[in-house]
């Protein structure tokens, strides 16, 4: 929004006592230099490639080969963290046609070694999650033992007190 304001309005700070040709010339020259610097900064930003997560169009537009891989719905956050850790440029696309949504990840082909490391770590993390889900929880075991103890019959002890004199 600030850029729109800068483009639409030109503010010249000039002494208001006397507007001479020299003052007006200096003001316009300063404005032109400012615009040139701003254009040079934008050109420098365009030359610098985007890192990390980006759109598929930006990834393909960098002029390098792209490879893809499908991943499940549950591990997208973990996958993003691992990719950012290894500095891999990637794009994630959601396939809405399938009932459980399927995600496809696109990588740059030049990051092959980093991609293999990311895939190793991601698969290890997913295996760990599956093992945790298969392992019965301690609370469930405790409930089962409570039920067993509650079902076992108890012997009631009779307590009698006899008074002797």
C-alpha atoms as a PDB file:
ATOM      1  CA  UNK A   1       0.000   0.000   0.000  1.00  0.00           C
ATOM      2  CA  UNK A   2       2.890   2.315   0.769  1.00  0.00           C
ATOM      3  CA  UNK A   3       4.281   1.794  -2.712  1.00  0.00           C
ATOM      4  CA  UNK A   4       0.951   2.844  -4.215  1.00  0.00           C
ATOM      5  CA  UNK A   5       1.026   6.043  -2.211  1.00  0.00           C
ATOM      6  CA  UNK A   6       4.601   6.703  -3.312  1.00  0.00           C
ATOM      7  CA  UNK A   7       3.726   6.111  -6.948  1.00  0.00           C
ATOM      8  CA  UNK A   8       0.585   8.257  -6.955  1.00  0.00           C
ATOM      9  CA  UNK A   9       1.870  11.245  -5.094  1.00  0.00           C
ATOM     10  CA  UNK A  10       5.091  13.174  -5.382  1.00  0.00           C
ATOM     11  CA  UNK A  11       6.156  15.014  -2.294  1.00  0.00           C
ATOM     12  CA  UNK A  12       8.831  17.580  -2.679  1.00  0.00           C
ATOM     13  CA  UNK A  13      10.245  19.166   0.398  1.00  0.00           C
ATOM     14  CA  UNK A  14      11.219  22.650  -0.621  1.00  0.00           C
ATOM     15  CA  UNK A  15      11.803  25.772   1.402  1.00  0.00           C
ATOM     16  CA  UNK A  16       8.680  27.815   1.096  1.00  0.00           C
ATOM     17  CA  UNK A  17      10.365  31.199   1.353  1.00  0.00           C
ATOM     18  CA  UNK A  18      11.344  31.527  -2.315  1.00  0.00           C
ATOM     19  CA  UNK A  19      10.829  28.896  -4.971  1.00  0.00           C
ATOM     20  CA  UNK A  20      13.560  29.501  -7.445  1.00  0.00           C
ATOM     21  CA  UNK A  21      14.572  27.510 -10.449  1.00  0.00           C
ATOM     22  CA  UNK A  22      17.605  26.176  -8.602  1.00  0.00           C
ATOM     23  CA  UNK A  23      15.530  24.910  -5.641  1.00  0.00           C
ATOM     24  CA  UNK A  24      13.015  23.296  -7.978  1.00  0.00           C
ATOM     25  CA  UNK A  25      15.849  21.705  -9.990  1.00  0.00           C
ATOM     26  CA  UNK A  26      17.484  20.240  -6.858  1.00  0.00           C
ATOM     27  CA  UNK A  27      14.171  18.857  -5.643  1.00  0.00           C
ATOM     28  CA  UNK A  28      13.400  17.166  -8.964  1.00  0.00           C
ATOM     29  CA  UNK A  29      16.941  15.797  -9.169  1.00  0.00           C
ATOM     30  CA  UNK A  30      16.616  14.287  -5.662  1.00  0.00           C
ATOM     31  CA  UNK A  31      13.274  12.729  -6.627  1.00  0.00           C
ATOM     32  CA  UNK A  32      14.719  11.175  -9.810  1.00  0.00           C
ATOM     33  CA  UNK A  33      17.679   9.731  -7.858  1.00  0.00           C
ATOM     34  CA  UNK A  34      15.260   8.258  -5.314  1.00  0.00           C
ATOM     35  CA  UNK A  35      13.229   6.586  -8.082  1.00  0.00           C
ATOM     36  CA  UNK A  36      16.395   5.150  -9.670  1.00  0.00           C
ATOM     37  CA  UNK A  37      17.532   3.677  -6.360  1.00  0.00           C
ATOM     38  CA  UNK A  38      14.122   2.154  -5.773  1.00  0.00           C
ATOM     39  CA  UNK A  39      14.097   0.591  -9.267  1.00  0.00           C
ATOM     40  CA  UNK A  40      17.602  -0.819  -8.712  1.00  0.00           C
ATOM     41  CA  UNK A  41      16.498  -2.402  -5.417  1.00  0.00           C
ATOM     42  CA  UNK A  42      13.509  -4.057  -7.104  1.00  0.00           C
ATOM     43  CA  UNK A  43      15.738  -5.435  -9.857  1.00  0.00           C
ATOM     44  CA  UNK A  44      18.105  -6.877  -7.253  1.00  0.00           C
ATOM     45  CA  UNK A  45      15.176  -8.583  -5.471  1.00  0.00           C
ATOM     46  CA  UNK A  46      14.024 -10.199  -8.723  1.00  0.00           C
ATOM     47  CA  UNK A  47      17.461 -11.671  -9.397  1.00  0.00           C
ATOM     48  CA  UNK A  48      17.594 -13.327  -5.967  1.00  0.00           C
ATOM     49  CA  UNK A  49      15.740 -16.686  -6.035  1.00  0.00           C
ATOM     50  CA  UNK A  50      13.110 -17.524  -3.451  1.00  0.00           C
ATOM     51  CA  UNK A  51      14.151 -20.036  -0.776  1.00  0.00           C
ATOM     52  CA  UNK A  52      12.080 -22.633   1.057  1.00  0.00           C
ATOM     53  CA  UNK A  53       8.361 -23.073   0.429  1.00  0.00           C
ATOM     54  CA  UNK A  54       6.996 -21.448  -2.721  1.00  0.00           C
ATOM     55  CA  UNK A  55       4.407 -21.929  -5.414  1.00  0.00           C
ATOM     56  CA  UNK A  56       4.863 -24.484  -8.184  1.00  0.00           C
ATOM     57  CA  UNK A  57       5.018 -21.699 -10.753  1.00  0.00           C
ATOM     58  CA  UNK A  58       7.894 -19.990  -8.917  1.00  0.00           C
ATOM     59  CA  UNK A  59       9.708 -23.300  -8.477  1.00  0.00           C
ATOM     60  CA  UNK A  60       9.461 -24.195 -12.163  1.00  0.00           C
ATOM     61  CA  UNK A  61      10.307 -20.625 -13.169  1.00  0.00           C
ATOM     62  CA  UNK A  62      13.777 -20.908 -11.661  1.00  0.00           C
ATOM     63  CA  UNK A  63      14.842 -22.879 -14.751  1.00  0.00           C
ATOM     64  CA  UNK A  64      15.843 -26.135 -13.078  1.00  0.00           C
ATOM     65  CA  UNK A  65      14.279 -29.575 -13.284  1.00  0.00           C
ATOM     66  CA  UNK A  66      11.508 -30.438 -10.847  1.00  0.00           C
ATOM     67  CA  UNK A  67      10.737 -33.825  -9.312  1.00  0.00           C
ATOM     68  CA  UNK A  68       7.612 -34.738  -7.331  1.00  0.00           C
ATOM     69  CA  UNK A  69       6.481 -37.160  -4.638  1.00  0.00           C
ATOM     70  CA  UNK A  70       3.061 -37.813  -3.034  1.00  0.00           C
ATOM     71  CA  UNK A  71       2.763 -37.604   0.756  1.00  0.00           C
ATOM     72  CA  UNK A  72      -0.122 -38.234   3.146  1.00  0.00           C
ATOM     73  CA  UNK A  73      -2.316 -35.713   4.875  1.00  0.00           C
ATOM     74  CA  UNK A  74      -1.007 -36.181   8.378  1.00  0.00           C
ATOM     75  CA  UNK A  75       2.681 -35.374   7.914  1.00  0.00           C
ATOM     76  CA  UNK A  76       2.621 -32.069   6.021  1.00  0.00           C
ATOM     77  CA  UNK A  77       3.739 -29.926   8.974  1.00  0.00           C
ATOM     78  CA  UNK A  78       6.594 -32.263   9.821  1.00  0.00           C
ATOM     79  CA  UNK A  79       7.631 -32.357   6.185  1.00  0.00           C
ATOM     80  CA  UNK A  80       7.747 -28.538   5.968  1.00  0.00           C
ATOM     81  CA  UNK A  81       9.897 -28.338   9.111  1.00  0.00           C
ATOM     82  CA  UNK A  82      12.376 -30.889   7.826  1.00  0.00           C
ATOM     83  CA  UNK A  83      12.607 -29.249   4.375  1.00  0.00           C
ATOM     84  CA  UNK A  84      13.270 -25.854   5.933  1.00  0.00           C
ATOM     85  CA  UNK A  85      15.897 -27.430   8.193  1.00  0.00           C
ATOM     86  CA  UNK A  86      17.848 -28.718   5.181  1.00  0.00           C
ATOM     87  CA  UNK A  87      17.242 -25.651   2.991  1.00  0.00           C
ATOM     88  CA  UNK A  88      15.339 -27.490   0.275  1.00  0.00           C
ATOM     89  CA  UNK A  89      13.186 -25.482  -2.144  1.00  0.00           C
ATOM     90  CA  UNK A  90       9.772 -27.129  -2.411  1.00  0.00           C
ATOM     91  CA  UNK A  91       6.124 -26.574  -3.304  1.00  0.00           C
ATOM     92  CA  UNK A  92       3.147 -28.453  -1.844  1.00  0.00           C
ATOM     93  CA  UNK A  93      -0.038 -28.975  -3.871  1.00  0.00           C
ATOM     94  CA  UNK A  94      -3.261 -30.419  -2.445  1.00  0.00           C
ATOM     95  CA  UNK A  95      -5.249 -32.827  -4.636  1.00  0.00           C
ATOM     96  CA  UNK A  96      -8.897 -32.145  -3.747  1.00  0.00           C
ATOM     97  CA  UNK A  97     -10.342 -34.811  -6.045  1.00  0.00           C
ATOM     98  CA  UNK A  98      -9.497 -37.625  -3.631  1.00  0.00           C
ATOM     99  CA  UNK A  99     -11.608 -38.165  -0.513  1.00  0.00           C
ATOM    100  CA  UNK A 100      -8.791 -38.129   2.009  1.00  0.00           C
ATOM    101  CA  UNK A 101      -6.825 -35.215   0.561  1.00  0.00           C
ATOM    102  CA  UNK A 102      -3.554 -36.240  -1.049  1.00  0.00           C
ATOM    103  CA  UNK A 103      -0.611 -33.842  -1.114  1.00  0.00           C
ATOM    104  CA  UNK A 104       2.092 -33.775  -3.778  1.00  0.00           C
ATOM    105  CA  UNK A 105       5.464 -32.221  -3.046  1.00  0.00           C
ATOM    106  CA  UNK A 106       7.598 -30.749  -5.836  1.00  0.00           C
ATOM    107  CA  UNK A 107      11.370 -30.366  -5.372  1.00  0.00           C
ATOM    108  CA  UNK A 108      14.169 -28.838  -7.366  1.00  0.00           C
ATOM    109  CA  UNK A 109      16.182 -31.558  -9.036  1.00  0.00           C
ATOM    110  CA  UNK A 110      19.546 -30.024  -8.030  1.00  0.00           C
ATOM    111  CA  UNK A 111      18.799 -30.649  -4.340  1.00  0.00           C
ATOM    112  CA  UNK A 112      19.030 -34.449  -4.755  1.00  0.00           C
ATOM    113  CA  UNK A 113      21.295 -35.142  -1.761  1.00  0.00           C
ATOM    114  CA  UNK A 114      19.320 -32.865   0.513  1.00  0.00           C
ATOM    115  CA  UNK A 115      16.062 -34.429  -0.716  1.00  0.00           C
ATOM    116  CA  UNK A 116      17.252 -37.931   0.149  1.00  0.00           C
ATOM    117  CA  UNK A 117      18.194 -36.744   3.645  1.00  0.00           C
ATOM    118  CA  UNK A 118      14.799 -35.074   4.060  1.00  0.00           C
ATOM    119  CA  UNK A 119      13.013 -38.246   2.941  1.00  0.00           C
ATOM    120  CA  UNK A 120      15.040 -40.395   5.356  1.00  0.00           C
ATOM    121  CA  UNK A 121      14.247 -38.157   8.303  1.00  0.00           C
ATOM    122  CA  UNK A 122      10.589 -37.787   7.300  1.00  0.00           C
ATOM    123  CA  UNK A 123      10.084 -41.543   6.931  1.00  0.00           C
ATOM    124  CA  UNK A 124      11.779 -42.170  10.298  1.00  0.00           C
ATOM    125  CA  UNK A 125       9.475 -39.639  11.941  1.00  0.00           C
ATOM    126  CA  UNK A 126       6.386 -41.218  10.357  1.00  0.00           C
ATOM    127  CA  UNK A 127       7.470 -44.702  11.482  1.00  0.00           C
ATOM    128  CA  UNK A 128       7.928 -43.419  15.014  1.00  0.00           C
ATOM    129  CA  UNK A 129       4.386 -41.999  14.969  1.00  0.00           C
ATOM    130  CA  UNK A 130       2.963 -45.309  13.734  1.00  0.00           C
ATOM    131  CA  UNK A 131       4.762 -47.239  16.460  1.00  0.00           C
ATOM    132  CA  UNK A 132       3.389 -44.850  19.079  1.00  0.00           C
ATOM    133  CA  UNK A 133      -0.133 -45.381  17.768  1.00  0.00           C
ATOM    134  CA  UNK A 134       0.216 -49.180  17.810  1.00  0.00           C
ATOM    135  CA  UNK A 135       1.575 -49.251  21.337  1.00  0.00           C
ATOM    136  CA  UNK A 136      -1.224 -49.531  23.917  1.00  0.00           C
ATOM    137  CA  UNK A 137      -1.340 -46.652  26.317  1.00  0.00           C
ATOM    138  CA  UNK A 138      -0.566 -47.073  29.986  1.00  0.00           C
ATOM    139  CA  UNK A 139      -3.934 -45.604  30.975  1.00  0.00           C
ATOM    140  CA  UNK A 140      -5.742 -48.271  28.949  1.00  0.00           C
ATOM    141  CA  UNK A 141      -3.714 -50.987  30.655  1.00  0.00           C
ATOM    142  CA  UNK A 142      -4.491 -49.464  34.040  1.00  0.00           C
ATOM    143  CA  UNK A 143      -8.246 -49.414  33.296  1.00  0.00           C
ATOM    144  CA  UNK A 144      -8.109 -53.058  32.265  1.00  0.00           C
ATOM    145  CA  UNK A 145      -6.434 -54.069  35.520  1.00  0.00           C
ATOM    146  CA  UNK A 146      -8.907 -51.992  37.535  1.00  0.00           C
ATOM    147  CA  UNK A 147     -11.774 -53.864  35.902  1.00  0.00           C
ATOM    148  CA  UNK A 148     -10.147 -57.231  36.659  1.00  0.00           C
ATOM    149  CA  UNK A 149      -9.643 -56.284  40.297  1.00  0.00           C
ATOM    150  CA  UNK A 150     -13.221 -55.026  40.560  1.00  0.00           C
ATOM    151  CA  UNK A 151     -14.615 -58.316  39.202  1.00  0.00           C
ATOM    152  CA  UNK A 152     -12.702 -60.593  41.576  1.00  0.00           C
ATOM    153  CA  UNK A 153     -14.774 -61.631  44.618  1.00  0.00           C
ATOM    154  CA  UNK A 154     -13.615 -60.371  47.952  1.00  0.00           C
ATOM    155  CA  UNK A 155     -13.806 -62.188  51.219  1.00  0.00           C
ATOM    156  CA  UNK A 156     -15.524 -60.163  53.839  1.00  0.00           C
ATOM    157  CA  UNK A 157     -13.949 -60.462  57.197  1.00  0.00           C
ATOM    158  CA  UNK A 158     -16.194 -60.638  60.178  1.00  0.00           C
ATOM    159  CA  UNK A 159     -15.148 -58.553  63.043  1.00  0.00           C
ATOM    160  CA  UNK A 160     -16.495 -59.419  66.428  1.00  0.00           C
ATOM    161  CA  UNK A 161     -15.580 -57.897  69.634  1.00  0.00           C
ATOM    162  CA  UNK A 162     -16.305 -59.797  72.734  1.00  0.00           C
ATOM    163  CA  UNK A 163     -16.196 -58.136  76.009  1.00  0.00           C
ATOM    164  CA  UNK A 164     -14.585 -60.038  78.761  1.00  0.00           C
ATOM    165  CA  UNK A 165     -14.725 -59.150  82.401  1.00  0.00           C
END
